[in-house]
Amino acid sequence: MSLQVQGLVKHFDGVKAVNGVTFTVEPGECVALIGPNGAGKSTTFACIAGQHPPTAGQVLWNGERIDGLRPAQRLQRGIARTFQVAQTFEALTVLQNVQLLTQYPRGLAAYNVLDSGDSQPASALLEQVGLHNLAHAEAQDLPYGAKKRLELAMALAGRNTGLLLLDEPAAGLATEERATLMALVKSLTQPQAGRAGTAVLYTEHNMDAVFGVADRVLVLIDGAIAAQGTPDEVASDATVRQCYLGQWWEKPLHA
């Protein structure tokens, strides 16, 4: 199941925020979307996730056009997203946050009876993201790095999640926390139990969360893709260095 973005265009009152963006993301692939402020990253991302309808172009998932679907309908097709500022249910426990999403296909229960339901699927997801020991803590008491991991578990709780859209997953995290979270994101692209790895598309400003993590990098400048390729190819691209990274930029040492 691949994501195909074809000739994506988005205008806001005559402003061309996105102008003819085309790319694909394959199962098991981790693709970073980067570029300077105002380049059109957030708008492109929102058009794929369902927050903005495109002015022109198509977005397809598994061969089906999804650009006319609501975010909830995209979730039903295995497309989940996170936000730059982690979105969790602050008054619920960590476990209850994930239970709300694992129970969603069967109908939501009131929060005060969630604990009487099947907690195994939610517990398994918390184990996967390293939050099992905090299952009964309230979300509002979590440090921010843990909230980011909780939001990721909530995204993975969707039925048959095949595409993860991560909006600046490393934003607000210290260097070590970024490395831990991005290693977790990268691990999700690996095939498991006979199924293809998850396709991941993410926007990011922290270059240490891009180089050494992404399989491919897409660079948006002025609403259009100015360069794309492996991290090494993008890092050596003259236009990218001139307009975004800087002529003297060097890749992070661990990349």
Protein backbone atom coordinates (compact mmCIF):
# COMPACT_ATOMS: atom_id res chain seq x y z
CA MET A 1 0.00 0.00 0.00
CA SER A 2 1.70 3.18 -1.16
CA LEU A 3 0.95 6.86 -0.76
CA GLN A 4 0.87 8.73 -4.07
CA VAL A 5 0.74 12.52 -4.19
CA GLN A 6 0.16 13.72 -7.75
CA GLY A 7 0.35 17.34 -8.85
CA LEU A 8 -0.82 18.66 -5.49
CA VAL A 9 -1.83 22.34 -5.53
CA LYS A 10 -3.21 24.47 -2.70
CA HIS A 11 -4.07 28.15 -2.96
CA PHE A 12 -5.25 30.47 -0.19
CA ASP A 13 -6.93 33.60 -1.59
CA GLY A 14 -4.51 33.75 -4.49
CA VAL A 15 -1.45 32.71 -2.49
CA LYS A 16 0.13 29.58 -4.00
CA ALA A 17 1.15 27.70 -0.87
CA VAL A 18 1.71 24.41 -2.73
CA ASN A 19 2.32 24.30 -6.45
CA GLY A 20 2.43 20.94 -8.21
CA VAL A 21 3.96 18.62 -5.60
CA THR A 22 4.38 14.98 -6.69
CA PHE A 23 5.97 12.12 -4.74
CA THR A 24 5.34 8.62 -3.39
CA VAL A 25 5.96 6.84 -0.09
CA GLU A 26 6.18 3.06 -0.19
CA PRO A 27 5.46 0.54 2.60
CA GLY A 28 8.45 0.20 4.90
CA GLU A 29 9.85 3.56 3.82
CA CYS A 30 10.65 6.50 6.10
CA VAL A 31 10.47 9.78 4.17
CA ALA A 32 11.24 13.24 5.58
CA LEU A 33 9.66 16.41 4.21
CA ILE A 34 11.85 19.41 4.98
CA GLY A 35 12.34 23.00 3.89
CA PRO A 36 12.49 26.59 5.15
CA ASN A 37 9.60 28.29 6.94
CA GLY A 38 6.85 29.15 4.51
CA ALA A 39 7.94 26.52 1.99
CA GLY A 40 4.57 24.74 2.05
CA LYS A 41 5.42 21.74 4.25
CA SER A 42 2.55 22.16 6.70
CA THR A 43 0.05 22.82 3.92
CA THR A 44 1.19 19.76 1.95
CA PHE A 45 0.97 17.70 5.11
CA ALA A 46 -2.51 19.02 5.94
CA CYS A 47 -3.77 18.21 2.44
CA ILE A 48 -2.55 14.62 2.79
CA ALA A 49 -3.95 14.25 6.32
CA GLY A 50 -7.33 15.79 5.46
CA GLN A 51 -7.26 19.15 7.24
CA HIS A 52 -7.19 21.09 3.92
CA PRO A 53 -8.88 20.15 0.64
CA PRO A 54 -6.45 20.54 -2.27
CA THR A 55 -7.13 23.13 -4.95
CA ALA A 56 -5.95 20.64 -7.57
CA GLY A 57 -4.14 17.34 -7.83
CA GLN A 58 -4.73 13.97 -6.22
CA VAL A 59 -3.79 12.07 -3.09
CA LEU A 60 -4.08 8.29 -3.31
CA TRP A 61 -3.59 5.55 -0.77
CA ASN A 62 -3.51 1.94 -1.94
CA GLY A 63 -4.75 3.13 -5.34
CA GLU A 64 -7.83 4.89 -3.89
CA ARG A 65 -8.28 8.65 -4.04
CA ILE A 66 -8.52 9.98 -0.50
CA ASP A 67 -8.28 13.75 -1.07
CA GLY A 68 -12.07 14.04 -0.71
CA LEU A 69 -12.28 12.01 2.49
CA ARG A 70 -12.57 13.33 6.04
CA PRO A 71 -9.72 12.57 8.47
CA ALA A 72 -11.89 9.96 10.25
CA GLN A 73 -12.49 8.19 6.94
CA ARG A 74 -8.76 8.18 6.26
CA LEU A 75 -8.17 6.67 9.70
CA GLN A 76 -10.54 3.84 8.79
CA ARG A 77 -8.30 3.14 5.80
CA GLY A 78 -5.19 2.88 7.98
CA ILE A 79 -3.88 6.47 7.83
CA ALA A 80 -3.01 8.07 11.17
CA ARG A 81 -1.27 11.31 12.10
CA THR A 82 0.34 13.09 15.01
CA PHE A 83 0.73 16.81 15.64
CA GLN A 84 3.60 19.20 16.26
CA VAL A 85 2.27 19.79 19.79
CA ALA A 86 1.33 16.40 21.27
CA GLN A 87 -2.43 15.86 21.44
CA THR A 88 -3.54 13.61 24.32
CA PHE A 89 -6.51 13.35 26.67
CA GLU A 90 -4.94 14.99 29.70
CA ALA A 91 -7.49 13.86 32.32
CA LEU A 92 -7.16 10.17 31.39
CA THR A 93 -4.44 7.73 32.27
CA VAL A 94 -1.84 6.71 29.73
CA LEU A 95 -3.54 3.34 29.29
CA GLN A 96 -6.99 4.89 28.92
CA ASN A 97 -5.72 7.23 26.21
CA VAL A 98 -4.70 4.27 24.08
CA GLN A 99 -7.76 2.20 25.01
CA LEU A 100 -10.00 4.90 23.56
CA LEU A 101 -8.36 4.33 20.18
CA THR A 102 -8.11 0.54 20.31
CA GLN A 103 -11.83 0.36 21.16
CA TYR A 104 -12.84 2.94 18.55
CA PRO A 105 -13.82 0.39 15.85
CA ARG A 106 -16.18 -1.30 18.34
CA GLY A 107 -17.62 1.94 19.70
CA LEU A 108 -16.29 4.13 22.48
CA ALA A 109 -16.98 3.45 26.12
CA ALA A 110 -17.18 6.08 28.84
CA TYR A 111 -13.75 6.74 30.36
CA ASN A 112 -14.78 5.48 33.81
CA VAL A 113 -15.52 1.97 32.48
CA LEU A 114 -12.53 1.68 30.15
CA ASP A 115 -10.57 -0.23 32.76
CA SER A 116 -13.17 -3.00 32.70
CA GLY A 117 -12.57 -3.62 28.99
CA ASP A 118 -9.82 -5.54 27.24
CA SER A 119 -6.60 -3.69 27.97
CA GLN A 120 -4.22 -6.10 26.25
CA PRO A 121 -4.04 -4.35 22.85
CA ALA A 122 -3.41 -0.99 24.51
CA SER A 123 -0.84 -2.48 26.89
CA ALA A 124 1.04 -4.02 23.96
CA LEU A 125 1.27 -0.64 22.27
CA LEU A 126 2.55 0.99 25.45
CA GLU A 127 5.19 -1.72 25.67
CA GLN A 128 6.18 -0.98 22.08
CA VAL A 129 6.72 2.73 22.75
CA GLY A 130 8.36 2.23 26.15
CA LEU A 131 5.53 3.52 28.35
CA HIS A 132 4.31 0.29 29.94
CA ASN A 133 5.60 1.31 33.37
CA LEU A 134 3.59 4.55 33.17
CA ALA A 135 0.32 2.94 32.12
CA HIS A 136 -1.63 4.19 35.14
CA ALA A 137 -0.12 7.67 35.31
CA GLU A 138 -2.30 10.56 34.19
CA ALA A 139 -1.34 11.96 30.80
CA GLN A 140 -1.15 15.48 32.21
CA ASP A 141 1.68 14.41 34.51
CA LEU A 142 3.92 13.01 31.78
CA PRO A 143 7.12 14.77 30.72
CA TYR A 144 6.84 16.08 27.18
CA GLY A 145 8.98 13.37 25.60
CA ALA A 146 6.70 10.71 27.08
CA LYS A 147 3.65 12.58 25.76
CA LYS A 148 5.14 12.40 22.27
CA ARG A 149 5.52 8.64 22.64
CA LEU A 150 1.97 8.35 23.99
CA GLU A 151 0.62 10.24 20.98
CA LEU A 152 2.54 7.86 18.73
CA ALA A 153 0.98 4.86 20.50
CA MET A 154 -2.45 6.44 19.99
CA ALA A 155 -1.75 6.84 16.28
CA LEU A 156 -0.67 3.21 16.04
CA ALA A 157 -3.88 2.12 17.78
CA GLY A 158 -5.89 2.78 14.62
CA ARG A 159 -7.09 -0.31 12.81
CA ASN A 160 -4.40 -1.71 10.48
CA THR A 161 -2.34 1.48 10.48
CA GLY A 162 -0.33 1.41 7.26
CA LEU A 163 0.63 5.07 6.90
CA LEU A 164 1.89 7.32 9.67
CA LEU A 165 1.93 11.09 9.11
CA LEU A 166 4.11 12.68 11.78
CA ASP A 167 4.11 16.47 12.07
CA GLU A 168 7.49 17.43 13.56
CA PRO A 169 7.72 14.38 15.85
CA ALA A 170 10.96 15.61 17.45
CA ALA A 171 9.80 19.19 18.11
CA GLY A 172 10.44 20.33 21.69
CA LEU A 173 12.64 17.35 22.57
CA ALA A 174 16.22 17.34 23.77
CA THR A 175 18.87 15.69 21.59
CA GLU A 176 18.83 12.34 23.40
CA GLU A 177 15.02 12.24 23.45
CA ARG A 178 14.94 13.01 19.73
CA ALA A 179 17.31 10.15 19.01
CA THR A 180 15.22 7.72 21.07
CA LEU A 181 11.94 8.74 19.49
CA MET A 182 13.28 8.70 15.94
CA ALA A 183 14.81 5.25 16.48
CA LEU A 184 11.33 4.11 17.53
CA VAL A 185 9.79 5.72 14.43
CA LYS A 186 12.38 4.04 12.21
CA SER A 187 11.64 0.64 13.77
CA LEU A 188 8.00 0.90 12.71
CA THR A 189 9.02 0.67 9.06
CA GLN A 190 10.38 -2.87 9.53
CA PRO A 191 8.18 -5.79 8.36
CA GLN A 192 6.53 -7.67 11.21
CA ALA A 193 4.53 -10.90 11.41
CA GLY A 194 4.33 -11.34 7.66
CA ARG A 195 3.08 -7.82 6.90
CA ALA A 196 4.89 -5.00 5.20
CA GLY A 197 6.41 -2.28 7.34
CA THR A 198 4.53 0.94 8.00
CA ALA A 199 5.00 3.81 5.55
CA VAL A 200 6.13 6.95 7.40
CA LEU A 201 6.05 10.53 6.14
CA TYR A 202 7.22 13.21 8.53
CA THR A 203 8.02 16.91 8.58
CA GLU A 204 10.94 18.08 10.68
CA HIS A 205 13.20 21.06 11.41
CA ASN A 206 15.76 19.18 13.53
CA MET A 207 18.28 17.87 11.02
CA ASP A 208 19.57 15.20 13.41
CA ALA A 209 16.04 13.73 13.22
CA VAL A 210 16.29 13.64 9.42
CA PHE A 211 19.83 12.59 8.45
CA GLY A 212 20.59 9.11 9.68
CA VAL A 213 16.86 8.34 10.03
CA ALA A 214 15.07 8.99 6.73
CA ASP A 215 15.45 6.66 3.75
CA ARG A 216 14.60 9.55 1.44
CA VAL A 217 14.33 13.30 1.90
CA LEU A 218 12.02 15.68 0.03
CA VAL A 219 12.91 19.37 0.10
CA LEU A 220 10.16 21.92 -0.45
CA ILE A 221 11.07 25.47 -1.42
CA ASP A 222 8.45 28.04 -2.45
CA GLY A 223 5.70 25.43 -2.62
CA ALA A 224 7.50 23.03 -4.96
CA ILE A 225 9.93 20.14 -4.55
CA ALA A 226 13.40 21.56 -5.17
CA ALA A 227 15.28 18.33 -4.47
CA GLN A 228 14.70 14.75 -3.42
CA GLY A 229 16.80 11.67 -2.89
CA THR A 230 18.84 9.92 -0.24
CA PRO A 231 20.05 12.02 2.69
CA ASP A 232 23.54 12.14 1.17
CA GLU A 233 22.21 13.29 -2.20
CA VAL A 234 20.09 16.02 -0.63
CA ALA A 235 22.91 17.16 1.68
CA SER A 236 25.16 17.76 -1.32
CA ASP A 237 22.54 19.47 -3.50
CA ALA A 238 23.65 23.03 -4.34
CA THR A 239 20.12 24.51 -4.28
CA VAL A 240 19.34 22.96 -0.91
CA ARG A 241 22.56 24.29 0.58
CA GLN A 242 22.01 27.75 -0.83
CA CYS A 243 18.34 28.10 0.11
CA TYR A 244 18.04 26.04 3.27
CA LEU A 245 20.92 24.16 4.89
CA GLY A 246 23.64 26.75 4.30
CA GLN A 247 26.89 26.40 2.39
CA TRP A 248 28.92 25.35 5.45
CA TRP A 249 26.36 22.98 6.97
CA GLU A 250 27.66 19.56 8.01
CA LYS A 251 25.65 16.44 8.65
CA PRO A 252 25.18 15.46 12.33
CA LEU A 253 28.00 13.17 13.44
CA HIS A 254 25.69 10.25 14.23
CA ALA A 255 23.90 10.44 10.86
